[in-house]
Protein backbone atom coordinates (compact mmCIF):
# COMPACT_ATOMS: atom_id res chain seq x y z
CA MET A 1 133.40 35.72 90.17
CA GLU A 2 135.82 33.60 91.63
CA ARG A 3 133.95 33.12 94.72
CA ALA A 4 130.64 32.48 92.92
CA LYS A 5 132.58 29.76 90.78
CA THR A 6 133.64 28.19 93.65
CA ARG A 7 130.18 27.81 95.45
CA PHE A 8 128.94 26.83 92.11
CA ARG A 9 131.24 23.81 91.81
CA LYS A 10 130.48 22.90 95.46
CA GLU A 11 126.77 22.74 94.99
CA ALA A 12 127.20 20.82 92.10
CA LYS A 13 129.33 18.23 93.69
CA ILE A 14 126.62 18.02 96.28
CA LEU A 15 124.01 17.65 93.75
CA SER A 16 125.75 14.92 91.83
CA LEU A 17 125.89 13.01 94.94
CA LEU A 18 122.18 13.55 95.88
CA GLY A 19 121.56 12.27 92.16
CA HIS A 20 121.31 8.76 93.54
CA HIS A 21 117.75 8.96 94.76
CA SER A 22 114.84 7.82 92.46
CA GLN A 23 113.22 11.28 93.18
CA ILE A 24 116.13 13.53 92.10
CA PRO A 25 117.36 13.82 88.55
CA LEU A 26 121.07 12.63 87.86
CA LEU A 27 123.59 15.72 87.27
CA LEU A 28 125.30 14.92 84.08
CA ASP A 29 127.76 17.62 84.07
CA TYR A 30 128.12 21.05 85.20
CA PHE A 31 130.45 23.79 83.86
CA VAL A 32 131.09 27.60 83.71
CA MET A 33 131.11 29.14 80.08
CA ASP A 34 131.29 33.07 79.37
CA GLU A 35 130.93 33.80 83.22
CA GLU A 36 127.44 31.74 83.02
CA PHE A 37 126.50 28.91 85.21
CA TYR A 38 125.39 25.54 83.74
CA LEU A 39 124.05 22.34 85.22
CA VAL A 40 123.12 19.42 82.56
CA GLN A 41 120.61 17.21 84.63
CA GLU A 42 118.70 14.02 83.48
CA PHE A 43 115.24 14.89 81.80
CA ILE A 44 112.51 13.25 83.58
CA LYS A 45 109.08 13.68 81.39
CA GLY A 46 106.27 14.80 83.46
CA TYR A 47 104.33 17.84 84.54
CA THR A 48 105.08 20.76 86.76
CA LEU A 49 102.57 21.32 89.04
CA SER A 50 101.95 24.63 87.53
CA LYS A 51 101.13 22.82 84.52
CA VAL A 52 98.83 20.52 86.41
CA VAL A 53 96.72 23.60 87.95
CA LYS A 54 96.68 25.40 84.48
CA ARG A 55 95.25 22.37 82.57
CA TYR A 56 92.77 20.76 85.33
CA GLY A 57 92.45 23.57 87.68
CA VAL A 58 92.91 23.55 91.43
CA GLN A 59 93.30 20.26 92.78
CA PRO A 60 91.55 18.76 95.77
CA GLU A 61 92.68 18.68 99.13
CA GLU A 62 93.40 14.87 98.77
CA PHE A 63 95.71 15.33 95.85
CA VAL A 64 97.53 17.84 97.46
CA LYS A 65 97.98 15.78 100.58
CA ARG A 66 99.22 12.71 98.45
CA THR A 67 101.43 15.17 96.71
CA LEU A 68 103.09 16.32 99.76
CA LYS A 69 103.50 12.97 101.03
CA SER A 70 105.34 11.81 97.85
CA LEU A 71 107.90 14.56 98.85
CA LEU A 72 108.81 13.44 102.34
CA PRO A 73 110.83 10.68 101.34
CA VAL A 74 113.13 12.75 99.11
CA LEU A 75 113.37 15.76 101.71
CA SER A 76 114.48 12.83 104.30
CA TYR A 77 116.79 11.49 102.05
CA ILE A 78 118.54 15.41 101.17
CA HIS A 79 118.72 16.32 105.08
CA ALA A 80 119.83 13.15 106.10
CA ARG A 81 122.95 13.85 103.77
CA GLY A 82 123.24 17.37 105.77
CA VAL A 83 121.99 19.40 102.62
CA ILE A 84 119.09 21.87 103.12
CA HIS A 85 116.94 22.48 100.47
CA ARG A 86 115.97 25.72 98.99
């Protein structure tokens, strides 16, 4: 359990550094309670891709391309800091 706590704290600290990008929610706090790990992040209003598809159906290729292109800056930002996104 101690190893998991150490890893969790390390990852939370990395996330707190990354939260200064407009596409990454700020990490407000993190803690362990009753051997459970918690991250408290900024709430960003919007829809998940799953909800978009459920509500509007399968999206056209142009929507998919536009969505993927919008992710490139944040992936570049993360990778430039030596972090590999899972």
